[in-house]
All heavy atoms as atom14 arrays in JSON, in Angstrom:
{
  "sequence": "AVGGKNDMVARASTTPLRRAGTPEEIAAVAAFLLSDDASYVTGQIL",
  "atom14_mask": [
    [1, 1, 1, 1, 1, 0, 0, 0, 0, 0, 0, 0, 0, 0],
    [1, 1, 1, 1, 1, 1, 1, 0, 0, 0, 0, 0, 0, 0],
    [1, 1, 1, 1, 0, 0, 0, 0, 0, 0, 0, 0, 0, 0],
    [1, 1, 1, 1, 0, 0, 0, 0, 0, 0, 0, 0, 0, 0],
    [1, 1, 1, 1, 1, 1, 1, 1, 1, 0, 0, 0, 0, 0],
    [1, 1, 1, 1, 1, 1, 1, 1, 0, 0, 0, 0, 0, 0],
    [1, 1, 1, 1, 1, 1, 1, 1, 0, 0, 0, 0, 0, 0],
    [1, 1, 1, 1, 1, 1, 1, 1, 0, 0, 0, 0, 0, 0],
    [1, 1, 1, 1, 1, 1, 1, 0, 0, 0, 0, 0, 0, 0],
    [1, 1, 1, 1, 1, 0, 0, 0, 0, 0, 0, 0, 0, 0],
    [1, 1, 1, 1, 1, 1, 1, 1, 1, 1, 1, 0, 0, 0],
    [1, 1, 1, 1, 1, 0, 0, 0, 0, 0, 0, 0, 0, 0],
    [1, 1, 1, 1, 1, 1, 0, 0, 0, 0, 0, 0, 0, 0],
    [1, 1, 1, 1, 1, 1, 1, 0, 0, 0, 0, 0, 0, 0],
    [1, 1, 1, 1, 1, 1, 1, 0, 0, 0, 0, 0, 0, 0],
    [1, 1, 1, 1, 1, 1, 1, 0, 0, 0, 0, 0, 0, 0],
    [1, 1, 1, 1, 1, 1, 1, 1, 0, 0, 0, 0, 0, 0],
    [1, 1, 1, 1, 1, 1, 1, 1, 1, 1, 1, 0, 0, 0],
    [1, 1, 1, 1, 1, 1, 1, 1, 1, 1, 1, 0, 0, 0],
    [1, 1, 1, 1, 1, 0, 0, 0, 0, 0, 0, 0, 0, 0],
    [1, 1, 1, 1, 0, 0, 0, 0, 0, 0, 0, 0, 0, 0],
    [1, 1, 1, 1, 1, 1, 1, 0, 0, 0, 0, 0, 0, 0],
    [1, 1, 1, 1, 1, 1, 1, 0, 0, 0, 0, 0, 0, 0],
    [1, 1, 1, 1, 1, 1, 1, 1, 1, 0, 0, 0, 0, 0],
    [1, 1, 1, 1, 1, 1, 1, 1, 1, 0, 0, 0, 0, 0],
    [1, 1, 1, 1, 1, 1, 1, 1, 0, 0, 0, 0, 0, 0],
    [1, 1, 1, 1, 1, 0, 0, 0, 0, 0, 0, 0, 0, 0],
    [1, 1, 1, 1, 1, 0, 0, 0, 0, 0, 0, 0, 0, 0],
    [1, 1, 1, 1, 1, 1, 1, 0, 0, 0, 0, 0, 0, 0],
    [1, 1, 1, 1, 1, 0, 0, 0, 0, 0, 0, 0, 0, 0],
    [1, 1, 1, 1, 1, 0, 0, 0, 0, 0, 0, 0, 0, 0],
    [1, 1, 1, 1, 1, 1, 1, 1, 1, 1, 1, 0, 0, 0],
    [1, 1, 1, 1, 1, 1, 1, 1, 0, 0, 0, 0, 0, 0],
    [1, 1, 1, 1, 1, 1, 1, 1, 0, 0, 0, 0, 0, 0],
    [1, 1, 1, 1, 1, 1, 0, 0, 0, 0, 0, 0, 0, 0],
    [1, 1, 1, 1, 1, 1, 1, 1, 0, 0, 0, 0, 0, 0],
    [1, 1, 1, 1, 1, 1, 1, 1, 0, 0, 0, 0, 0, 0],
    [1, 1, 1, 1, 1, 0, 0, 0, 0, 0, 0, 0, 0, 0],
    [1, 1, 1, 1, 1, 1, 0, 0, 0, 0, 0, 0, 0, 0],
    [1, 1, 1, 1, 1, 1, 1, 1, 1, 1, 1, 1, 0, 0],
    [1, 1, 1, 1, 1, 1, 1, 0, 0, 0, 0, 0, 0, 0],
    [1, 1, 1, 1, 1, 1, 1, 0, 0, 0, 0, 0, 0, 0],
    [1, 1, 1, 1, 0, 0, 0, 0, 0, 0, 0, 0, 0, 0],
    [1, 1, 1, 1, 1, 1, 1, 1, 1, 0, 0, 0, 0, 0],
    [1, 1, 1, 1, 1, 1, 1, 1, 0, 0, 0, 0, 0, 0],
    [1, 1, 1, 1, 1, 1, 1, 1, 0, 0, 0, 0, 0, 0]
  ],
  "atom14_positions": [
    [[142.79, 99.43, 150.19], [141.69, 99.08, 151.09], [140.56, 98.39, 150.34], [140.25, 98.76, 149.2], [141.16, 100.33, 151.78], [0.0, 0.0, 0.0], [0.0, 0.0, 0.0], [0.0, 0.0, 0.0], [0.0, 0.0, 0.0], [0.0, 0.0, 0.0], [0.0, 0.0, 0.0], [0.0, 0.0, 0.0], [0.0, 0.0, 0.0], [0.0, 0.0, 0.0]],
    [[139.98, 97.37, 150.98], [138.79, 96.77, 150.41], [137.67, 97.8, 150.39], [137.4, 98.46, 151.4], [138.37, 95.54, 151.23], [137.04, 94.99, 150.71], [139.45, 94.47, 151.19], [0.0, 0.0, 0.0], [0.0, 0.0, 0.0], [0.0, 0.0, 0.0], [0.0, 0.0, 0.0], [0.0, 0.0, 0.0], [0.0, 0.0, 0.0], [0.0, 0.0, 0.0]],
    [[137.04, 97.99, 149.25], [136.05, 99.03, 149.12], [136.67, 100.37, 148.74], [135.95, 101.36, 148.63], [0.0, 0.0, 0.0], [0.0, 0.0, 0.0], [0.0, 0.0, 0.0], [0.0, 0.0, 0.0], [0.0, 0.0, 0.0], [0.0, 0.0, 0.0], [0.0, 0.0, 0.0], [0.0, 0.0, 0.0], [0.0, 0.0, 0.0], [0.0, 0.0, 0.0]],
    [[137.99, 100.39, 148.52], [138.69, 101.59, 148.1], [138.97, 101.55, 146.6], [138.15, 101.11, 145.81], [0.0, 0.0, 0.0], [0.0, 0.0, 0.0], [0.0, 0.0, 0.0], [0.0, 0.0, 0.0], [0.0, 0.0, 0.0], [0.0, 0.0, 0.0], [0.0, 0.0, 0.0], [0.0, 0.0, 0.0], [0.0, 0.0, 0.0], [0.0, 0.0, 0.0]],
    [[140.17, 101.95, 146.23], [140.49, 102.06, 144.81], [140.9, 100.71, 144.19], [140.69, 100.48, 143.02], [141.59, 103.08, 144.58], [141.7, 103.51, 143.13], [142.64, 104.71, 142.95], [142.66, 105.17, 141.49], [143.53, 106.33, 141.3], [0.0, 0.0, 0.0], [0.0, 0.0, 0.0], [0.0, 0.0, 0.0], [0.0, 0.0, 0.0], [0.0, 0.0, 0.0]],
    [[141.47, 99.81, 145.03], [142.06, 98.6, 144.46], [141.03, 97.66, 143.84], [141.32, 96.92, 142.93], [142.86, 97.84, 145.52], [141.98, 97.25, 146.6], [141.01, 97.86, 147.02], [142.31, 96.04, 147.05], [0.0, 0.0, 0.0], [0.0, 0.0, 0.0], [0.0, 0.0, 0.0], [0.0, 0.0, 0.0], [0.0, 0.0, 0.0], [0.0, 0.0, 0.0]],
    [[139.76, 97.7, 144.32], [138.77, 96.77, 143.8], [137.6, 97.48, 143.1], [136.55, 96.91, 142.91], [138.24, 95.86, 144.91], [137.58, 96.64, 146.05], [137.62, 97.88, 146.01], [137.06, 95.99, 146.98], [0.0, 0.0, 0.0], [0.0, 0.0, 0.0], [0.0, 0.0, 0.0], [0.0, 0.0, 0.0], [0.0, 0.0, 0.0], [0.0, 0.0, 0.0]],
    [[137.84, 98.74, 142.71], [136.75, 99.5, 142.07], [136.3, 98.88, 140.75], [135.09, 98.79, 140.47], [137.18, 100.96, 141.84], [137.16, 101.82, 143.09], [137.6, 103.52, 142.73], [136.15, 104.37, 143.38], [0.0, 0.0, 0.0], [0.0, 0.0, 0.0], [0.0, 0.0, 0.0], [0.0, 0.0, 0.0], [0.0, 0.0, 0.0], [0.0, 0.0, 0.0]],
    [[137.26, 98.48, 139.95], [136.89, 97.91, 138.64], [136.11, 96.62, 138.83], [135.1, 96.37, 138.15], [138.16, 97.66, 137.8], [137.81, 96.88, 136.53], [138.83, 98.98, 137.43], [0.0, 0.0, 0.0], [0.0, 0.0, 0.0], [0.0, 0.0, 0.0], [0.0, 0.0, 0.0], [0.0, 0.0, 0.0], [0.0, 0.0, 0.0], [0.0, 0.0, 0.0]],
    [[136.53, 95.8, 139.79], [135.81, 94.55, 140.05], [134.41, 94.82, 140.56], [133.45, 94.17, 140.13], [136.59, 93.71, 141.07], [0.0, 0.0, 0.0], [0.0, 0.0, 0.0], [0.0, 0.0, 0.0], [0.0, 0.0, 0.0], [0.0, 0.0, 0.0], [0.0, 0.0, 0.0], [0.0, 0.0, 0.0], [0.0, 0.0, 0.0], [0.0, 0.0, 0.0]],
    [[134.24, 95.78, 141.46], [132.91, 96.1, 141.99], [132.01, 96.67, 140.9], [130.83, 96.38, 140.83], [133.03, 97.06, 143.18], [133.56, 96.39, 144.44], [133.55, 97.31, 145.63], [134.6, 98.32, 145.58], [134.4, 99.61, 145.56], [133.19, 100.11, 145.57], [135.43, 100.46, 145.56], [0.0, 0.0, 0.0], [0.0, 0.0, 0.0], [0.0, 0.0, 0.0]],
    [[132.6, 97.49, 140.03], [131.79, 98.09, 138.98], [131.34, 97.07, 137.95], [130.36, 97.29, 137.23], [132.63, 99.18, 138.28], [0.0, 0.0, 0.0], [0.0, 0.0, 0.0], [0.0, 0.0, 0.0], [0.0, 0.0, 0.0], [0.0, 0.0, 0.0], [0.0, 0.0, 0.0], [0.0, 0.0, 0.0], [0.0, 0.0, 0.0], [0.0, 0.0, 0.0]],
    [[132.02, 95.93, 137.87], [131.67, 94.92, 136.88], [130.31, 94.28, 137.15], [129.75, 93.59, 136.29], [132.76, 93.83, 136.82], [132.74, 93.05, 138.01], [0.0, 0.0, 0.0], [0.0, 0.0, 0.0], [0.0, 0.0, 0.0], [0.0, 0.0, 0.0], [0.0, 0.0, 0.0], [0.0, 0.0, 0.0], [0.0, 0.0, 0.0], [0.0, 0.0, 0.0]],
    [[129.75, 94.5, 138.34], [128.44, 93.94, 138.67], [127.29, 94.91, 138.37], [126.13, 94.55, 138.59], [128.38, 93.53, 140.15], [128.52, 94.7, 140.98], [129.49, 92.54, 140.49], [0.0, 0.0, 0.0], [0.0, 0.0, 0.0], [0.0, 0.0, 0.0], [0.0, 0.0, 0.0], [0.0, 0.0, 0.0], [0.0, 0.0, 0.0], [0.0, 0.0, 0.0]],
    [[127.59, 96.12, 137.93], [126.53, 97.06, 137.55], [125.93, 96.63, 136.23], [126.54, 95.84, 135.48], [127.08, 98.49, 137.4], [127.97, 98.53, 136.26], [127.83, 98.93, 138.65], [0.0, 0.0, 0.0], [0.0, 0.0, 0.0], [0.0, 0.0, 0.0], [0.0, 0.0, 0.0], [0.0, 0.0, 0.0], [0.0, 0.0, 0.0], [0.0, 0.0, 0.0]],
    [[124.73, 97.1, 135.87], [124.15, 96.73, 134.59], [125.06, 97.04, 133.39], [125.08, 96.27, 132.42], [122.86, 97.58, 134.54], [122.44, 97.66, 135.98], [123.74, 97.81, 136.72], [0.0, 0.0, 0.0], [0.0, 0.0, 0.0], [0.0, 0.0, 0.0], [0.0, 0.0, 0.0], [0.0, 0.0, 0.0], [0.0, 0.0, 0.0], [0.0, 0.0, 0.0]],
    [[125.82, 98.13, 133.45], [126.73, 98.45, 132.34], [128.05, 97.68, 132.43], [128.87, 97.74, 131.54], [127.01, 99.94, 132.27], [125.84, 100.81, 131.8], [126.28, 102.27, 131.63], [125.24, 100.3, 130.48], [0.0, 0.0, 0.0], [0.0, 0.0, 0.0], [0.0, 0.0, 0.0], [0.0, 0.0, 0.0], [0.0, 0.0, 0.0], [0.0, 0.0, 0.0]],
    [[128.26, 96.99, 133.56], [129.41, 96.08, 133.74], [130.77, 96.79, 133.65], [131.76, 96.21, 133.24], [129.37, 94.94, 132.71], [128.11, 94.08, 132.78], [128.05, 93.27, 134.07], [127.06, 92.22, 134.02], [125.86, 92.28, 134.62], [125.52, 93.38, 135.32], [125.01, 91.26, 134.54], [0.0, 0.0, 0.0], [0.0, 0.0, 0.0], [0.0, 0.0, 0.0]],
    [[130.82, 98.04, 134.06], [132.12, 98.75, 134.03], [132.06, 99.96, 134.94], [130.99, 100.43, 135.35], [132.45, 99.22, 132.6], [131.49, 100.29, 132.05], [131.97, 100.81, 130.71], [131.04, 101.79, 130.13], [131.05, 103.09, 130.43], [131.92, 103.58, 131.3], [130.19, 103.93, 129.85], [0.0, 0.0, 0.0], [0.0, 0.0, 0.0], [0.0, 0.0, 0.0]],
    [[133.25, 100.48, 135.28], [133.34, 101.74, 136.02], [133.1, 102.92, 135.08], [133.25, 102.8, 133.86], [134.72, 101.85, 136.67], [0.0, 0.0, 0.0], [0.0, 0.0, 0.0], [0.0, 0.0, 0.0], [0.0, 0.0, 0.0], [0.0, 0.0, 0.0], [0.0, 0.0, 0.0], [0.0, 0.0, 0.0], [0.0, 0.0, 0.0], [0.0, 0.0, 0.0]],
    [[132.77, 104.04, 135.67], [132.59, 105.25, 134.9], [133.89, 106.05, 134.8], [134.91, 105.67, 135.39], [0.0, 0.0, 0.0], [0.0, 0.0, 0.0], [0.0, 0.0, 0.0], [0.0, 0.0, 0.0], [0.0, 0.0, 0.0], [0.0, 0.0, 0.0], [0.0, 0.0, 0.0], [0.0, 0.0, 0.0], [0.0, 0.0, 0.0], [0.0, 0.0, 0.0]],
    [[133.84, 107.12, 134.05], [135.02, 108.01, 133.92], [134.65, 109.4, 134.41], [133.48, 109.8, 134.39], [135.48, 108.09, 132.46], [134.47, 108.8, 131.68], [135.7, 106.72, 131.87], [0.0, 0.0, 0.0], [0.0, 0.0, 0.0], [0.0, 0.0, 0.0], [0.0, 0.0, 0.0], [0.0, 0.0, 0.0], [0.0, 0.0, 0.0], [0.0, 0.0, 0.0]],
    [[135.65, 110.18, 134.83], [135.35, 111.55, 135.22], [134.68, 112.36, 134.12], [133.82, 113.2, 134.39], [136.73, 112.12, 135.56], [137.53, 110.93, 135.98], [137.05, 109.81, 135.09], [0.0, 0.0, 0.0], [0.0, 0.0, 0.0], [0.0, 0.0, 0.0], [0.0, 0.0, 0.0], [0.0, 0.0, 0.0], [0.0, 0.0, 0.0], [0.0, 0.0, 0.0]],
    [[135.06, 112.07, 132.88], [134.48, 112.81, 131.75], [132.98, 112.53, 131.6], [132.22, 113.43, 131.22], [135.23, 112.45, 130.47], [136.65, 112.99, 130.39], [137.62, 112.22, 131.31], [137.35, 111.06, 131.64], [138.65, 112.81, 131.68], [0.0, 0.0, 0.0], [0.0, 0.0, 0.0], [0.0, 0.0, 0.0], [0.0, 0.0, 0.0], [0.0, 0.0, 0.0]],
    [[132.57, 111.31, 131.91], [131.15, 110.98, 131.84], [130.34, 111.72, 132.91], [129.22, 112.17, 132.67], [130.95, 109.47, 131.95], [131.41, 108.72, 130.72], [131.34, 107.21, 130.87], [131.85, 106.69, 131.89], [130.77, 106.54, 129.96], [0.0, 0.0, 0.0], [0.0, 0.0, 0.0], [0.0, 0.0, 0.0], [0.0, 0.0, 0.0], [0.0, 0.0, 0.0]],
    [[130.93, 111.87, 134.09], [130.26, 112.64, 135.14], [130.22, 114.11, 134.79], [129.21, 114.79, 135.01], [130.96, 112.42, 136.5], [131.11, 110.92, 136.81], [130.19, 113.12, 137.61], [129.84, 110.12, 136.73], [0.0, 0.0, 0.0], [0.0, 0.0, 0.0], [0.0, 0.0, 0.0], [0.0, 0.0, 0.0], [0.0, 0.0, 0.0], [0.0, 0.0, 0.0]],
    [[131.31, 114.61, 134.22], [131.36, 116.01, 133.82], [130.3, 116.32, 132.78], [129.72, 117.42, 132.76], [132.74, 116.35, 133.27], [0.0, 0.0, 0.0], [0.0, 0.0, 0.0], [0.0, 0.0, 0.0], [0.0, 0.0, 0.0], [0.0, 0.0, 0.0], [0.0, 0.0, 0.0], [0.0, 0.0, 0.0], [0.0, 0.0, 0.0], [0.0, 0.0, 0.0]],
    [[130.04, 115.39, 131.89], [129.01, 115.6, 130.87], [127.63, 115.76, 131.48], [126.82, 116.57, 131.03], [129.02, 114.44, 129.86], [0.0, 0.0, 0.0], [0.0, 0.0, 0.0], [0.0, 0.0, 0.0], [0.0, 0.0, 0.0], [0.0, 0.0, 0.0], [0.0, 0.0, 0.0], [0.0, 0.0, 0.0], [0.0, 0.0, 0.0], [0.0, 0.0, 0.0]],
    [[127.36, 114.98, 132.52], [126.07, 115.09, 133.21], [125.97, 116.42, 133.94], [124.93, 117.1, 133.89], [125.88, 113.91, 134.2], [124.62, 114.1, 135.02], [125.87, 112.58, 133.47], [0.0, 0.0, 0.0], [0.0, 0.0, 0.0], [0.0, 0.0, 0.0], [0.0, 0.0, 0.0], [0.0, 0.0, 0.0], [0.0, 0.0, 0.0], [0.0, 0.0, 0.0]],
    [[127.04, 116.82, 134.61], [127.04, 118.1, 135.3], [126.83, 119.25, 134.31], [126.06, 120.19, 134.58], [128.36, 118.3, 136.07], [0.0, 0.0, 0.0], [0.0, 0.0, 0.0], [0.0, 0.0, 0.0], [0.0, 0.0, 0.0], [0.0, 0.0, 0.0], [0.0, 0.0, 0.0], [0.0, 0.0, 0.0], [0.0, 0.0, 0.0], [0.0, 0.0, 0.0]],
    [[127.49, 119.17, 133.15], [127.34, 120.21, 132.16], [125.9, 120.29, 131.64], [125.35, 121.37, 131.42], [128.31, 119.96, 131.0], [0.0, 0.0, 0.0], [0.0, 0.0, 0.0], [0.0, 0.0, 0.0], [0.0, 0.0, 0.0], [0.0, 0.0, 0.0], [0.0, 0.0, 0.0], [0.0, 0.0, 0.0], [0.0, 0.0, 0.0], [0.0, 0.0, 0.0]],
    [[125.27, 119.14, 131.45], [123.87, 119.13, 131.02], [123.0, 119.82, 132.06], [122.18, 120.68, 131.71], [123.39, 117.69, 130.83], [121.9, 117.56, 130.82], [121.14, 118.04, 129.75], [121.23, 116.95, 131.88], [119.74, 117.93, 129.76], [119.85, 116.84, 131.89], [119.1, 117.33, 130.84], [0.0, 0.0, 0.0], [0.0, 0.0, 0.0], [0.0, 0.0, 0.0]],
    [[123.17, 119.49, 133.32], [122.33, 120.07, 134.37], [122.56, 121.57, 134.51], [121.65, 122.31, 134.89], [122.6, 119.36, 135.69], [122.11, 117.91, 135.79], [122.61, 117.26, 137.08], [120.6, 117.83, 135.7], [0.0, 0.0, 0.0], [0.0, 0.0, 0.0], [0.0, 0.0, 0.0], [0.0, 0.0, 0.0], [0.0, 0.0, 0.0], [0.0, 0.0, 0.0]],
    [[123.75, 122.03, 134.21], [124.04, 123.46, 134.28], [123.56, 124.22, 133.04], [123.41, 125.43, 133.09], [125.55, 123.69, 134.45], [126.15, 123.32, 135.8], [127.67, 123.34, 135.73], [125.64, 124.25, 136.9], [0.0, 0.0, 0.0], [0.0, 0.0, 0.0], [0.0, 0.0, 0.0], [0.0, 0.0, 0.0], [0.0, 0.0, 0.0], [0.0, 0.0, 0.0]],
    [[123.28, 123.5, 131.99], [122.98, 124.14, 130.72], [121.49, 124.45, 130.58], [120.64, 123.95, 131.32], [123.39, 123.23, 129.55], [122.45, 122.17, 129.38], [0.0, 0.0, 0.0], [0.0, 0.0, 0.0], [0.0, 0.0, 0.0], [0.0, 0.0, 0.0], [0.0, 0.0, 0.0], [0.0, 0.0, 0.0], [0.0, 0.0, 0.0], [0.0, 0.0, 0.0]],
    [[121.19, 125.26, 129.57], [119.79, 125.6, 129.26], [119.03, 124.39, 128.71], [117.8, 124.41, 128.64], [119.73, 126.73, 128.26], [120.25, 128.05, 128.84], [120.24, 128.18, 130.09], [120.65, 128.94, 128.08], [0.0, 0.0, 0.0], [0.0, 0.0, 0.0], [0.0, 0.0, 0.0], [0.0, 0.0, 0.0], [0.0, 0.0, 0.0], [0.0, 0.0, 0.0]],
    [[119.74, 123.33, 128.34], [119.07, 122.12, 127.92], [118.29, 121.47, 129.07], [117.39, 120.67, 128.85], [120.09, 121.09, 127.38], [120.74, 121.55, 126.1], [120.1, 122.29, 125.33], [121.9, 121.18, 125.85], [0.0, 0.0, 0.0], [0.0, 0.0, 0.0], [0.0, 0.0, 0.0], [0.0, 0.0, 0.0], [0.0, 0.0, 0.0], [0.0, 0.0, 0.0]],
    [[118.67, 121.82, 130.3], [117.98, 121.32, 131.5], [117.15, 122.41, 132.14], [116.98, 122.44, 133.35], [118.99, 120.75, 132.48], [0.0, 0.0, 0.0], [0.0, 0.0, 0.0], [0.0, 0.0, 0.0], [0.0, 0.0, 0.0], [0.0, 0.0, 0.0], [0.0, 0.0, 0.0], [0.0, 0.0, 0.0], [0.0, 0.0, 0.0], [0.0, 0.0, 0.0]],
    [[116.61, 123.32, 131.33], [115.94, 124.51, 131.86], [114.71, 124.21, 132.69], [114.26, 125.06, 133.47], [115.56, 125.45, 130.7], [114.7, 124.79, 129.79], [0.0, 0.0, 0.0], [0.0, 0.0, 0.0], [0.0, 0.0, 0.0], [0.0, 0.0, 0.0], [0.0, 0.0, 0.0], [0.0, 0.0, 0.0], [0.0, 0.0, 0.0], [0.0, 0.0, 0.0]],
    [[114.12, 123.01, 132.56], [112.94, 122.67, 133.36], [113.25, 121.57, 134.37], [112.38, 120.84, 134.81], [111.79, 122.22, 132.44], [110.43, 122.31, 133.07], [109.97, 123.47, 133.68], [109.56, 121.21, 133.07], [108.71, 123.55, 134.25], [108.31, 121.27, 133.64], [107.88, 122.44, 134.25], [106.64, 122.5, 134.83], [0.0, 0.0, 0.0], [0.0, 0.0, 0.0]],
    [[114.52, 121.47, 134.73], [114.97, 120.45, 135.67], [115.55, 121.14, 136.91], [116.5, 121.91, 136.81], [116.06, 119.55, 135.06], [116.5, 118.5, 136.07], [115.54, 118.9, 133.78], [0.0, 0.0, 0.0], [0.0, 0.0, 0.0], [0.0, 0.0, 0.0], [0.0, 0.0, 0.0], [0.0, 0.0, 0.0], [0.0, 0.0, 0.0], [0.0, 0.0, 0.0]],
    [[114.96, 120.86, 138.06], [115.53, 121.38, 139.31], [115.18, 120.46, 140.48], [114.16, 119.75, 140.42], [115.05, 122.82, 139.61], [115.91, 123.4, 140.6], [113.63, 122.88, 140.1], [0.0, 0.0, 0.0], [0.0, 0.0, 0.0], [0.0, 0.0, 0.0], [0.0, 0.0, 0.0], [0.0, 0.0, 0.0], [0.0, 0.0, 0.0], [0.0, 0.0, 0.0]],
    [[116.05, 120.43, 141.47], [115.82, 119.58, 142.64], [116.03, 118.11, 142.4], [115.65, 117.29, 143.22], [0.0, 0.0, 0.0], [0.0, 0.0, 0.0], [0.0, 0.0, 0.0], [0.0, 0.0, 0.0], [0.0, 0.0, 0.0], [0.0, 0.0, 0.0], [0.0, 0.0, 0.0], [0.0, 0.0, 0.0], [0.0, 0.0, 0.0], [0.0, 0.0, 0.0]],
    [[116.68, 117.77, 141.29], [116.84, 116.35, 140.95], [118.24, 115.86, 141.28], [119.22, 116.58, 141.2], [116.57, 116.15, 139.44], [115.18, 116.57, 139.02], [114.1, 115.88, 139.83], [114.04, 114.65, 139.87], [113.24, 116.67, 140.48], [0.0, 0.0, 0.0], [0.0, 0.0, 0.0], [0.0, 0.0, 0.0], [0.0, 0.0, 0.0], [0.0, 0.0, 0.0]],
    [[118.31, 114.58, 141.62], [119.58, 113.9, 141.81], [119.73, 112.92, 140.67], [119.06, 111.87, 140.64], [119.62, 113.16, 143.16], [119.15, 114.05, 144.31], [121.04, 112.63, 143.41], [119.95, 115.31, 144.53], [0.0, 0.0, 0.0], [0.0, 0.0, 0.0], [0.0, 0.0, 0.0], [0.0, 0.0, 0.0], [0.0, 0.0, 0.0], [0.0, 0.0, 0.0]],
    [[120.54, 113.27, 139.7], [120.7, 112.45, 138.5], [121.83, 111.47, 138.71], [122.99, 111.84, 138.81], [120.96, 113.34, 137.3], [121.09, 112.67, 135.94], [119.93, 111.7, 135.68], [121.15, 113.7, 134.83], [0.0, 0.0, 0.0], [0.0, 0.0, 0.0], [0.0, 0.0, 0.0], [0.0, 0.0, 0.0], [0.0, 0.0, 0.0], [0.0, 0.0, 0.0]]
  ]
}
């Protein structure tokens, strides 16, 4: 489908980083927000 998985890489190429992300990169952000390193962070959409 257009807007589905087949053109994700092409659509991501227009972002400032010019690429798609990986599940591991999202997991790293989630882990940060769950950790004490983010102890003064709440209610944020990162």
